[in-house]
């Protein structure tokens, strides 16, 4: 069932797809032989995690009129995410991404279908109007017509005074025209309030730099808040004045897949609730630690806060 009428914490616009993740740990897809079907797509994952934590969310995207599409819709509804904005495409199959399970950066290969076919006129304006945050990704911007659909969603969000969040999950295998990607993302970042790159994202876009160099590069393009995730080292939060490191929680990493989406769901819910960016980052780190440690589905945010209190205060380190 969907959430009742009213404000939504987050509306995710972009890729919703099936991740086929290797059952056994594997350094590459060549080494993997068996796969497990999982809900996937960065924006859709954030929406799902927000709902699991106790927030309200919706997804605007496209799936095939097939068994995989039905699985994705069933998963959204089972967790209380509004799925009315997800279009079913009779002409294209649900997008699939094969992923090698690892505690580090996973090897993956995408077979894009319906997710990239979302058209601007299929973006539900009524959902954008209800959002506190509209969240999207570089993956969704990589192809047409989904790029134009995302740009329309961002335009509607700006007209209505909504916050816009971007995950710049650029990869050359998804978007081979790097110059085009930098140009499109440069334009989009002017309309973005919050951006959450990972080190891999930043390196793919800008080459080798320091973490502080990456956040400054993103910040100068427009966003007022940049949160660079650093894996086991936590994250670097840049608020336009200074960069501050927020350490991760130590946990035995079973699978890093989806940790960034869990982090961002926790961060956004905490930040929307009135916490400072550093407090929100600490909460996001706690949520990511639960995800990496194999906790699924995620507990409600009250339980995450209870666990944080049990752990005691964990400090932050000022960036140079």
C-alpha atoms as a PDB file:
ATOM      1  CA  UNK A   1       0.000   0.000   0.000  1.00  0.00           C
ATOM      2  CA  UNK A   2       1.137   3.587  -0.640  1.00  0.00           C
ATOM      3  CA  UNK A   3       1.410   6.406   1.847  1.00  0.00           C
ATOM      4  CA  UNK A   4      -1.661   8.602   2.434  1.00  0.00           C
ATOM      5  CA  UNK A   5      -2.025  12.041   0.831  1.00  0.00           C
ATOM      6  CA  UNK A   6       0.274  14.702   2.227  1.00  0.00           C
ATOM      7  CA  UNK A   7       3.902  15.716   2.200  1.00  0.00           C
ATOM      8  CA  UNK A   8       6.564  13.223   1.110  1.00  0.00           C
ATOM      9  CA  UNK A   9      10.058  13.291   2.572  1.00  0.00           C
ATOM     10  CA  UNK A  10      11.577  12.225  -0.733  1.00  0.00           C
ATOM     11  CA  UNK A  11      10.597  11.639  -4.340  1.00  0.00           C
ATOM     12  CA  UNK A  12      13.202   9.662  -6.290  1.00  0.00           C
ATOM     13  CA  UNK A  13      13.344  10.240 -10.046  1.00  0.00           C
ATOM     14  CA  UNK A  14      15.440   7.962 -12.228  1.00  0.00           C
ATOM     15  CA  UNK A  15      16.611   4.408 -12.467  1.00  0.00           C
ATOM     16  CA  UNK A  16      14.644   1.603 -10.910  1.00  0.00           C
ATOM     17  CA  UNK A  17      16.013  -1.787 -11.951  1.00  0.00           C
ATOM     18  CA  UNK A  18      16.943  -5.292 -10.875  1.00  0.00           C
ATOM     19  CA  UNK A  19      20.408  -5.914  -9.455  1.00  0.00           C
ATOM     20  CA  UNK A  20      21.609  -9.486  -9.988  1.00  0.00           C
ATOM     21  CA  UNK A  21      24.281  -9.769  -7.295  1.00  0.00           C
ATOM     22  CA  UNK A  22      26.675 -12.691  -7.141  1.00  0.00           C
ATOM     23  CA  UNK A  23      25.934 -15.159  -4.364  1.00  0.00           C
ATOM     24  CA  UNK A  24      29.616 -15.731  -3.625  1.00  0.00           C
ATOM     25  CA  UNK A  25      32.123 -12.898  -3.076  1.00  0.00           C
ATOM     26  CA  UNK A  26      33.872 -12.131  -6.349  1.00  0.00           C
ATOM     27  CA  UNK A  27      36.464  -9.647  -7.467  1.00  0.00           C
ATOM     28  CA  UNK A  28      34.966  -9.545 -10.957  1.00  0.00           C
ATOM     29  CA  UNK A  29      31.927 -10.754 -12.859  1.00  0.00           C
ATOM     30  CA  UNK A  30      34.144 -13.233 -14.667  1.00  0.00           C
ATOM     31  CA  UNK A  31      34.645 -15.041 -11.355  1.00  0.00           C
ATOM     32  CA  UNK A  32      30.947 -15.073 -10.390  1.00  0.00           C
ATOM     33  CA  UNK A  33      28.682 -17.965 -11.347  1.00  0.00           C
ATOM     34  CA  UNK A  34      25.431 -17.611  -9.356  1.00  0.00           C
ATOM     35  CA  UNK A  35      23.351 -14.498  -8.802  1.00  0.00           C
ATOM     36  CA  UNK A  36      20.630 -13.318  -6.412  1.00  0.00           C
ATOM     37  CA  UNK A  37      17.808 -11.044  -7.585  1.00  0.00           C
ATOM     38  CA  UNK A  38      17.671  -7.747  -5.670  1.00  0.00           C
ATOM     39  CA  UNK A  39      15.849  -4.451  -5.824  1.00  0.00           C
ATOM     40  CA  UNK A  40      18.108  -1.819  -7.414  1.00  0.00           C
ATOM     41  CA  UNK A  41      18.669   1.602  -8.923  1.00  0.00           C
ATOM     42  CA  UNK A  42      20.352   4.332  -6.869  1.00  0.00           C
ATOM     43  CA  UNK A  43      17.433   6.814  -6.566  1.00  0.00           C
ATOM     44  CA  UNK A  44      14.880   4.047  -6.037  1.00  0.00           C
ATOM     45  CA  UNK A  45      17.115   2.450  -3.397  1.00  0.00           C
ATOM     46  CA  UNK A  46      17.270   5.733  -1.486  1.00  0.00           C
ATOM     47  CA  UNK A  47      13.460   5.927  -1.563  1.00  0.00           C
ATOM     48  CA  UNK A  48      13.177   2.342  -0.317  1.00  0.00           C
ATOM     49  CA  UNK A  49      15.662   2.975   2.500  1.00  0.00           C
ATOM     50  CA  UNK A  50      13.847   6.174   3.524  1.00  0.00           C
ATOM     51  CA  UNK A  51      10.641   4.174   3.879  1.00  0.00           C
ATOM     52  CA  UNK A  52      12.364   1.414   5.862  1.00  0.00           C
ATOM     53  CA  UNK A  53      13.713   4.040   8.259  1.00  0.00           C
ATOM     54  CA  UNK A  54      10.183   5.347   8.792  1.00  0.00           C
ATOM     55  CA  UNK A  55      10.048   8.229   6.317  1.00  0.00           C
ATOM     56  CA  UNK A  56       7.675   8.745   3.395  1.00  0.00           C
ATOM     57  CA  UNK A  57       8.773   8.413  -0.211  1.00  0.00           C
ATOM     58  CA  UNK A  58       7.733   7.839  -3.811  1.00  0.00           C
ATOM     59  CA  UNK A  59       9.475   6.755  -7.015  1.00  0.00           C
ATOM     60  CA  UNK A  60       9.111   8.189 -10.514  1.00  0.00           C
ATOM     61  CA  UNK A  61      10.620   5.824 -13.073  1.00  0.00           C
ATOM     62  CA  UNK A  62       9.985   3.124 -15.644  1.00  0.00           C
ATOM     63  CA  UNK A  63      10.045  -0.685 -15.635  1.00  0.00           C
ATOM     64  CA  UNK A  64       9.048  -3.323 -18.148  1.00  0.00           C
ATOM     65  CA  UNK A  65       5.710  -5.031 -18.244  1.00  0.00           C
ATOM     66  CA  UNK A  66       7.414  -8.236 -17.171  1.00  0.00           C
ATOM     67  CA  UNK A  67       8.107 -10.357 -14.095  1.00  0.00           C
ATOM     68  CA  UNK A  68      11.094  -8.221 -13.075  1.00  0.00           C
ATOM     69  CA  UNK A  69       8.998  -5.061 -13.252  1.00  0.00           C
ATOM     70  CA  UNK A  70       6.295  -6.706 -11.139  1.00  0.00           C
ATOM     71  CA  UNK A  71       8.948  -7.701  -8.571  1.00  0.00           C
ATOM     72  CA  UNK A  72      10.144  -4.101  -8.277  1.00  0.00           C
ATOM     73  CA  UNK A  73       6.624  -2.727  -7.881  1.00  0.00           C
ATOM     74  CA  UNK A  74       5.748  -5.402  -5.310  1.00  0.00           C
ATOM     75  CA  UNK A  75       8.877  -4.495  -3.323  1.00  0.00           C
ATOM     76  CA  UNK A  76       8.044  -0.777  -3.301  1.00  0.00           C
ATOM     77  CA  UNK A  77       4.498  -1.392  -2.140  1.00  0.00           C
ATOM     78  CA  UNK A  78       5.539  -3.915   0.495  1.00  0.00           C
ATOM     79  CA  UNK A  79       7.627  -1.194   2.165  1.00  0.00           C
ATOM     80  CA  UNK A  80       5.047   1.560   1.809  1.00  0.00           C
ATOM     81  CA  UNK A  81       6.749   3.468  -1.006  1.00  0.00           C
ATOM     82  CA  UNK A  82       4.355   5.183  -3.407  1.00  0.00           C
ATOM     83  CA  UNK A  83       4.654   3.392  -6.762  1.00  0.00           C
ATOM     84  CA  UNK A  84       2.044   5.351  -8.710  1.00  0.00           C
ATOM     85  CA  UNK A  85       4.829   7.274 -10.465  1.00  0.00           C
ATOM     86  CA  UNK A  86       6.397   4.118 -11.913  1.00  0.00           C
ATOM     87  CA  UNK A  87       5.348   3.548 -15.537  1.00  0.00           C
ATOM     88  CA  UNK A  88       5.218   0.063 -17.061  1.00  0.00           C
ATOM     89  CA  UNK A  89       6.643  -0.093 -20.586  1.00  0.00           C
ATOM     90  CA  UNK A  90       5.232  -2.798 -22.889  1.00  0.00           C
ATOM     91  CA  UNK A  91       7.987  -2.283 -25.480  1.00  0.00           C
ATOM     92  CA  UNK A  92      11.130  -2.535 -23.313  1.00  0.00           C
ATOM     93  CA  UNK A  93      12.161  -4.967 -20.612  1.00  0.00           C
ATOM     94  CA  UNK A  94      13.115  -3.999 -17.072  1.00  0.00           C
ATOM     95  CA  UNK A  95      16.746  -2.879 -16.823  1.00  0.00           C
ATOM     96  CA  UNK A  96      19.190  -5.385 -15.293  1.00  0.00           C
ATOM     97  CA  UNK A  97      22.579  -4.858 -13.680  1.00  0.00           C
ATOM     98  CA  UNK A  98      24.890  -7.775 -12.866  1.00  0.00           C
ATOM     99  CA  UNK A  99      27.039  -7.032  -9.795  1.00  0.00           C
ATOM    100  CA  UNK A 100      29.992  -8.893  -8.276  1.00  0.00           C
ATOM    101  CA  UNK A 101      29.493  -9.029  -4.491  1.00  0.00           C
ATOM    102  CA  UNK A 102      32.425  -7.519  -2.620  1.00  0.00           C
ATOM    103  CA  UNK A 103      33.262  -5.419   0.423  1.00  0.00           C
ATOM    104  CA  UNK A 104      34.923  -2.910  -1.911  1.00  0.00           C
ATOM    105  CA  UNK A 105      33.944  -1.253  -5.183  1.00  0.00           C
ATOM    106  CA  UNK A 106      31.969  -3.858  -7.144  1.00  0.00           C
ATOM    107  CA  UNK A 107      32.473  -4.862 -10.752  1.00  0.00           C
ATOM    108  CA  UNK A 108      29.190  -4.506 -12.650  1.00  0.00           C
ATOM    109  CA  UNK A 109      27.626  -4.674 -16.092  1.00  0.00           C
ATOM    110  CA  UNK A 110      24.347  -2.964 -17.014  1.00  0.00           C
ATOM    111  CA  UNK A 111      21.742  -4.004 -19.564  1.00  0.00           C
ATOM    112  CA  UNK A 112      19.509  -0.961 -19.835  1.00  0.00           C
ATOM    113  CA  UNK A 113      15.933  -1.211 -20.971  1.00  0.00           C
ATOM    114  CA  UNK A 114      12.851   0.544 -19.646  1.00  0.00           C
ATOM    115  CA  UNK A 115      14.574   2.754 -17.059  1.00  0.00           C
ATOM    116  CA  UNK A 116      16.198   4.878 -19.791  1.00  0.00           C
ATOM    117  CA  UNK A 117      12.886   5.278 -21.664  1.00  0.00           C
ATOM    118  CA  UNK A 118      11.096   7.480 -19.117  1.00  0.00           C
ATOM    119  CA  UNK A 119       9.667  10.476 -20.992  1.00  0.00           C
ATOM    120  CA  UNK A 120       9.241  14.032 -19.650  1.00  0.00           C
ATOM    121  CA  UNK A 121       5.448  13.872 -19.885  1.00  0.00           C
ATOM    122  CA  UNK A 122       5.478  10.751 -17.698  1.00  0.00           C
ATOM    123  CA  UNK A 123       6.944  12.618 -14.711  1.00  0.00           C
ATOM    124  CA  UNK A 124       4.143  12.970 -12.146  1.00  0.00           C
ATOM    125  CA  UNK A 125       4.002  16.658 -11.261  1.00  0.00           C
ATOM    126  CA  UNK A 126       1.636  15.946  -8.367  1.00  0.00           C
ATOM    127  CA  UNK A 127       4.357  13.861  -6.713  1.00  0.00           C
ATOM    128  CA  UNK A 128       7.031  16.531  -7.226  1.00  0.00           C
ATOM    129  CA  UNK A 129       4.701  19.065  -5.598  1.00  0.00           C
ATOM    130  CA  UNK A 130       4.459  16.888  -2.476  1.00  0.00           C
ATOM    131  CA  UNK A 131       8.212  16.293  -2.124  1.00  0.00           C
ATOM    132  CA  UNK A 132      10.483  17.879   0.444  1.00  0.00           C
ATOM    133  CA  UNK A 133      13.482  16.588  -1.543  1.00  0.00           C
ATOM    134  CA  UNK A 134      13.632  15.435  -5.173  1.00  0.00           C
ATOM    135  CA  UNK A 135      16.546  13.023  -5.613  1.00  0.00           C
ATOM    136  CA  UNK A 136      18.100  11.773  -8.850  1.00  0.00           C
ATOM    137  CA  UNK A 137      21.358  10.478 -10.339  1.00  0.00           C
ATOM    138  CA  UNK A 138      23.873  10.739 -13.170  1.00  0.00           C
ATOM    139  CA  UNK A 139      22.877   7.224 -14.321  1.00  0.00           C
ATOM    140  CA  UNK A 140      19.395   8.540 -15.110  1.00  0.00           C
ATOM    141  CA  UNK A 141      20.879  11.501 -17.007  1.00  0.00           C
ATOM    142  CA  UNK A 142      23.126   9.378 -19.217  1.00  0.00           C
ATOM    143  CA  UNK A 143      20.556   8.609 -21.933  1.00  0.00           C
ATOM    144  CA  UNK A 144      17.559  10.146 -23.655  1.00  0.00           C
ATOM    145  CA  UNK A 145      14.658  10.409 -23.106  1.00  0.00           C
ATOM    146  CA  UNK A 146      15.247   9.803 -19.375  1.00  0.00           C
ATOM    147  CA  UNK A 147      17.632  12.768 -19.283  1.00  0.00           C
ATOM    148  CA  UNK A 148      14.887  15.122 -20.401  1.00  0.00           C
ATOM    149  CA  UNK A 149      12.495  13.530 -17.900  1.00  0.00           C
ATOM    150  CA  UNK A 150      14.935  14.151 -15.047  1.00  0.00           C
ATOM    151  CA  UNK A 151      15.555  17.716 -16.199  1.00  0.00           C
ATOM    152  CA  UNK A 152      11.795  18.329 -16.211  1.00  0.00           C
ATOM    153  CA  UNK A 153      11.519  16.940 -12.677  1.00  0.00           C
ATOM    154  CA  UNK A 154      14.337  19.214 -11.507  1.00  0.00           C
ATOM    155  CA  UNK A 155      12.724  22.196 -13.219  1.00  0.00           C
ATOM    156  CA  UNK A 156       9.393  21.498 -11.539  1.00  0.00           C
ATOM    157  CA  UNK A 157      11.144  21.113  -8.192  1.00  0.00           C
ATOM    158  CA  UNK A 158      12.907  24.461  -8.545  1.00  0.00           C
ATOM    159  CA  UNK A 159       9.667  26.204  -9.568  1.00  0.00           C
ATOM    160  CA  UNK A 160       7.970  24.862  -6.443  1.00  0.00           C
ATOM    161  CA  UNK A 161      10.855  25.703  -4.102  1.00  0.00           C
ATOM    162  CA  UNK A 162      11.749  22.049  -3.428  1.00  0.00           C
ATOM    163  CA  UNK A 163      15.206  20.832  -2.479  1.00  0.00           C
ATOM    164  CA  UNK A 164      17.084  18.926  -5.181  1.00  0.00           C
ATOM    165  CA  UNK A 165      19.594  16.166  -4.427  1.00  0.00           C
ATOM    166  CA  UNK A 166      21.958  14.463  -6.877  1.00  0.00           C
ATOM    167  CA  UNK A 167      24.085  11.345  -6.777  1.00  0.00           C
ATOM    168  CA  UNK A 168      26.705  11.915  -9.521  1.00  0.00           C
ATOM    169  CA  UNK A 169      27.260   8.177 -10.045  1.00  0.00           C
ATOM    170  CA  UNK A 170      29.023   8.670 -13.363  1.00  0.00           C
ATOM    171  CA  UNK A 171      30.745   5.679 -14.946  1.00  0.00           C
ATOM    172  CA  UNK A 172      32.321   5.606 -18.446  1.00  0.00           C
ATOM    173  CA  UNK A 173      30.695   2.235 -19.161  1.00  0.00           C
ATOM    174  CA  UNK A 174      27.270   3.843 -18.712  1.00  0.00           C
ATOM    175  CA  UNK A 175      28.074   7.233 -20.225  1.00  0.00           C
ATOM    176  CA  UNK A 176      31.043   6.895 -22.635  1.00  0.00           C
ATOM    177  CA  UNK A 177      30.952  10.560 -23.728  1.00  0.00           C
ATOM    178  CA  UNK A 178      32.832  12.020 -20.739  1.00  0.00           C
ATOM    179  CA  UNK A 179      32.834  15.585 -22.099  1.00  0.00           C
ATOM    180  CA  UNK A 180      29.073  15.420 -22.554  1.00  0.00           C
ATOM    181  CA  UNK A 181      28.651  14.005 -19.061  1.00  0.00           C
ATOM    182  CA  UNK A 182      30.688  16.814 -17.526  1.00  0.00           C
ATOM    183  CA  UNK A 183      28.707  19.414 -19.481  1.00  0.00           C
ATOM    184  CA  UNK A 184      25.298  17.983 -18.557  1.00  0.00           C
ATOM    185  CA  UNK A 185      26.222  17.447 -14.912  1.00  0.00           C
ATOM    186  CA  UNK A 186      27.735  20.922 -14.753  1.00  0.00           C
ATOM    187  CA  UNK A 187      24.404  22.402 -15.836  1.00  0.00           C
ATOM    188  CA  UNK A 188      22.408  20.188 -13.458  1.00  0.00           C
ATOM    189  CA  UNK A 189      24.622  21.028 -10.470  1.00  0.00           C
ATOM    190  CA  UNK A 190      23.592  24.685 -10.777  1.00  0.00           C
ATOM    191  CA  UNK A 191      20.091  23.602  -9.744  1.00  0.00           C
ATOM    192  CA  UNK A 192      21.171  21.168  -7.014  1.00  0.00           C
ATOM    193  CA  UNK A 193      21.119  21.892  -3.270  1.00  0.00           C
ATOM    194  CA  UNK A 194      22.839  18.719  -2.092  1.00  0.00           C
ATOM    195  CA  UNK A 195      25.252  16.413  -3.901  1.00  0.00           C
ATOM    196  CA  UNK A 196      26.585  13.058  -2.672  1.00  0.00           C
ATOM    197  CA  UNK A 197      29.555  11.827  -4.711  1.00  0.00           C
ATOM    198  CA  UNK A 198      31.652   8.831  -3.721  1.00  0.00           C
ATOM    199  CA  UNK A 199      35.403   8.800  -4.233  1.00  0.00           C
ATOM    200  CA  UNK A 200      34.858   6.578  -7.279  1.00  0.00           C
ATOM    201  CA  UNK A 201      32.305   9.038  -8.699  1.00  0.00           C
ATOM    202  CA  UNK A 202      34.581  12.026  -8.171  1.00  0.00           C
ATOM    203  CA  UNK A 203      37.624  10.267  -9.595  1.00  0.00           C
ATOM    204  CA  UNK A 204      35.699   9.186 -12.705  1.00  0.00           C
ATOM    205  CA  UNK A 205      34.602  12.779 -13.345  1.00  0.00           C
ATOM    206  CA  UNK A 206      37.659  14.822 -12.329  1.00  0.00           C
ATOM    207  CA  UNK A 207      40.657  12.476 -12.218  1.00  0.00           C
ATOM    208  CA  UNK A 208      43.006  12.168  -9.256  1.00  0.00           C
ATOM    209  CA  UNK A 209      42.610  14.825  -6.552  1.00  0.00           C
ATOM    210  CA  UNK A 210      42.480  15.046  -2.791  1.00  0.00           C
ATOM    211  CA  UNK A 211      39.105  14.518  -1.079  1.00  0.00           C
ATOM    212  CA  UNK A 212      39.100  18.217  -0.191  1.00  0.00           C
ATOM    213  CA  UNK A 213      39.799  19.044  -3.825  1.00  0.00           C
ATOM    214  CA  UNK A 214      36.820  16.981  -4.929  1.00  0.00           C
ATOM    215  CA  UNK A 215      34.344  18.662  -2.573  1.00  0.00           C
ATOM    216  CA  UNK A 216      35.571  22.094  -3.603  1.00  0.00           C
ATOM    217  CA  UNK A 217      35.195  21.113  -7.276  1.00  0.00           C
ATOM    218  CA  UNK A 218      31.586  20.085  -6.738  1.00  0.00           C
ATOM    219  CA  UNK A 219      30.782  23.052  -4.504  1.00  0.00           C
ATOM    220  CA  UNK A 220      32.009  25.644  -6.979  1.00  0.00           C
ATOM    221  CA  UNK A 221      29.496  24.296  -9.489  1.00  0.00           C
ATOM    222  CA  UNK A 222      26.533  25.276  -7.324  1.00  0.00           C
ATOM    223  CA  UNK A 223      25.448  22.907  -4.499  1.00  0.00           C
ATOM    224  CA  UNK A 224      25.456  24.473  -1.047  1.00  0.00           C
ATOM    225  CA  UNK A 225      26.148  21.140   0.628  1.00  0.00           C
ATOM    226  CA  UNK A 226      28.584  18.481  -0.617  1.00  0.00           C
ATOM    227  CA  UNK A 227      28.975  15.119   1.117  1.00  0.00           C
ATOM    228  CA  UNK A 228      31.804  12.977  -0.240  1.00  0.00           C
ATOM    229  CA  UNK A 229      31.582   9.368   0.927  1.00  0.00           C
ATOM    230  CA  UNK A 230      34.913   7.688   1.708  1.00  0.00           C
ATOM    231  CA  UNK A 231      33.923   4.066   2.349  1.00  0.00           C
ATOM    232  CA  UNK A 232      35.458   2.741   5.550  1.00  0.00           C
ATOM    233  CA  UNK A 233      36.852   6.214   6.288  1.00  0.00           C
ATOM    234  CA  UNK A 234      33.388   7.726   6.634  1.00  0.00           C
ATOM    235  CA  UNK A 235      32.625  10.924   4.762  1.00  0.00           C
ATOM    236  CA  UNK A 236      33.738  14.499   4.195  1.00  0.00           C
ATOM    237  CA  UNK A 237      31.069  17.165   4.672  1.00  0.00           C
ATOM    238  CA  UNK A 238      31.549  20.547   2.999  1.00  0.00           C
ATOM    239  CA  UNK A 239      29.050  23.278   3.930  1.00  0.00           C
ATOM    240  CA  UNK A 240      30.472  26.099   1.830  1.00  0.00           C
ATOM    241  CA  UNK A 241      32.814  27.256   4.583  1.00  0.00           C
ATOM    242  CA  UNK A 242      34.876  24.277   5.647  1.00  0.00           C
ATOM    243  CA  UNK A 243      35.306  20.547   5.124  1.00  0.00           C
ATOM    244  CA  UNK A 244      34.823  18.247   8.114  1.00  0.00           C
ATOM    245  CA  UNK A 245      35.536  14.534   8.274  1.00  0.00           C
ATOM    246  CA  UNK A 246      32.952  12.331   9.970  1.00  0.00           C
ATOM    247  CA  UNK A 247      34.417   8.877  10.707  1.00  0.00           C
ATOM    248  CA  UNK A 248      32.618   5.661   9.869  1.00  0.00           C
ATOM    249  CA  UNK A 249      31.574   3.092  12.450  1.00  0.00           C
ATOM    250  CA  UNK A 250      33.717  -0.015  12.538  1.00  0.00           C
ATOM    251  CA  UNK A 251      31.796  -3.051  11.349  1.00  0.00           C
ATOM    252  CA  UNK A 252      32.575  -6.366   9.699  1.00  0.00           C
ATOM    253  CA  UNK A 253      31.721  -5.637   6.063  1.00  0.00           C
ATOM    254  CA  UNK A 254      29.687  -8.438   4.508  1.00  0.00           C
ATOM    255  CA  UNK A 255      28.589  -6.591   1.373  1.00  0.00           C
ATOM    256  CA  UNK A 256      29.147  -2.934   0.458  1.00  0.00           C
ATOM    257  CA  UNK A 257      26.452  -2.962  -2.249  1.00  0.00           C
ATOM    258  CA  UNK A 258      23.863  -0.296  -1.494  1.00  0.00           C
ATOM    259  CA  UNK A 259      25.775   1.223   1.437  1.00  0.00           C
ATOM    260  CA  UNK A 260      25.900   4.659  -0.190  1.00  0.00           C
ATOM    261  CA  UNK A 261      22.146   4.673  -0.804  1.00  0.00           C
ATOM    262  CA  UNK A 262      21.499   3.655   2.807  1.00  0.00           C
ATOM    263  CA  UNK A 263      23.844   6.423   3.998  1.00  0.00           C
ATOM    264  CA  UNK A 264      22.053   9.064   1.927  1.00  0.00           C
ATOM    265  CA  UNK A 265      18.599   7.977   3.090  1.00  0.00           C
ATOM    266  CA  UNK A 266      19.775   8.302   6.695  1.00  0.00           C
ATOM    267  CA  UNK A 267      21.502  11.611   6.047  1.00  0.00           C
ATOM    268  CA  UNK A 268      18.476  13.173   4.340  1.00  0.00           C
ATOM    269  CA  UNK A 269      15.966  12.047   6.953  1.00  0.00           C
ATOM    270  CA  UNK A 270      18.164  13.318   9.768  1.00  0.00           C
ATOM    271  CA  UNK A 271      18.882  16.619   8.014  1.00  0.00           C
ATOM    272  CA  UNK A 272      15.223  17.166   7.126  1.00  0.00           C
ATOM    273  CA  UNK A 273      14.451  16.535  10.780  1.00  0.00           C
ATOM    274  CA  UNK A 274      16.528  19.535  11.812  1.00  0.00           C
ATOM    275  CA  UNK A 275      19.921  17.987  12.535  1.00  0.00           C
ATOM    276  CA  UNK A 276      23.107  19.725  11.430  1.00  0.00           C
ATOM    277  CA  UNK A 277      24.944  18.326   8.386  1.00  0.00           C
ATOM    278  CA  UNK A 278      27.551  16.754  10.683  1.00  0.00           C
ATOM    279  CA  UNK A 279      24.903  15.134  12.888  1.00  0.00           C
ATOM    280  CA  UNK A 280      23.095  13.948   9.773  1.00  0.00           C
ATOM    281  CA  UNK A 281      26.343  12.478   8.416  1.00  0.00           C
ATOM    282  CA  UNK A 282      26.917  10.579  11.655  1.00  0.00           C
ATOM    283  CA  UNK A 283      23.402   9.170  11.472  1.00  0.00           C
ATOM    284  CA  UNK A 284      23.953   8.280   7.809  1.00  0.00           C
ATOM    285  CA  UNK A 285      27.177   6.496   8.739  1.00  0.00           C
ATOM    286  CA  UNK A 286      25.276   4.469  11.333  1.00  0.00           C
ATOM    287  CA  UNK A 287      22.655   3.454   8.768  1.00  0.00           C
ATOM    288  CA  UNK A 288      25.372   2.507   6.258  1.00  0.00           C
ATOM    289  CA  UNK A 289      27.116   0.403   8.918  1.00  0.00           C
ATOM    290  CA  UNK A 290      23.908  -1.546   9.508  1.00  0.00           C
ATOM    291  CA  UNK A 291      23.530  -2.109   5.762  1.00  0.00           C
ATOM    292  CA  UNK A 292      27.147  -3.228   5.294  1.00  0.00           C
ATOM    293  CA  UNK A 293      26.802  -5.478   8.332  1.00  0.00           C
ATOM    294  CA  UNK A 294      23.942  -7.372   6.701  1.00  0.00           C
ATOM    295  CA  UNK A 295      20.957  -5.776   8.495  1.00  0.00           C
ATOM    296  CA  UNK A 296      18.029  -5.914   6.039  1.00  0.00           C
ATOM    297  CA  UNK A 297      15.505  -4.446   6.006  1.00  0.00           C
ATOM    298  CA  UNK A 298      16.813  -1.422   7.868  1.00  0.00           C
ATOM    299  CA  UNK A 299      15.322  -0.690  11.305  1.00  0.00           C
ATOM    300  CA  UNK A 300      13.232   2.396  12.013  1.00  0.00           C
ATOM    301  CA  UNK A 301      15.183   5.567  12.649  1.00  0.00           C
ATOM    302  CA  UNK A 302      14.290   5.497  16.369  1.00  0.00           C
ATOM    303  CA  UNK A 303      16.115   2.168  16.655  1.00  0.00           C
ATOM    304  CA  UNK A 304      19.135   3.585  14.801  1.00  0.00           C
ATOM    305  CA  UNK A 305      19.234   6.519  17.241  1.00  0.00           C
ATOM    306  CA  UNK A 306      18.983   4.073  20.156  1.00  0.00           C
ATOM    307  CA  UNK A 307      21.976   2.162  18.844  1.00  0.00           C
ATOM    308  CA  UNK A 308      23.868   5.414  18.372  1.00  0.00           C
ATOM    309  CA  UNK A 309      23.250   6.394  21.984  1.00  0.00           C
ATOM    310  CA  UNK A 310      24.474   2.973  23.107  1.00  0.00           C
ATOM    311  CA  UNK A 311      27.692   3.448  21.137  1.00  0.00           C
ATOM    312  CA  UNK A 312      28.338   6.846  22.740  1.00  0.00           C
ATOM    313  CA  UNK A 313      29.681   9.979  21.095  1.00  0.00           C
ATOM    314  CA  UNK A 314      31.946   9.596  18.108  1.00  0.00           C
ATOM    315  CA  UNK A 315      33.862  12.709  17.134  1.00  0.00           C
ATOM    316  CA  UNK A 316      34.588  14.460  13.889  1.00  0.00           C
ATOM    317  CA  UNK A 317      37.860  15.591  12.442  1.00  0.00           C
ATOM    318  CA  UNK A 318      38.308  18.953  10.831  1.00  0.00           C
ATOM    319  CA  UNK A 319      39.363  18.861   7.203  1.00  0.00           C
ATOM    320  CA  UNK A 320      42.469  20.801   6.214  1.00  0.00           C
END
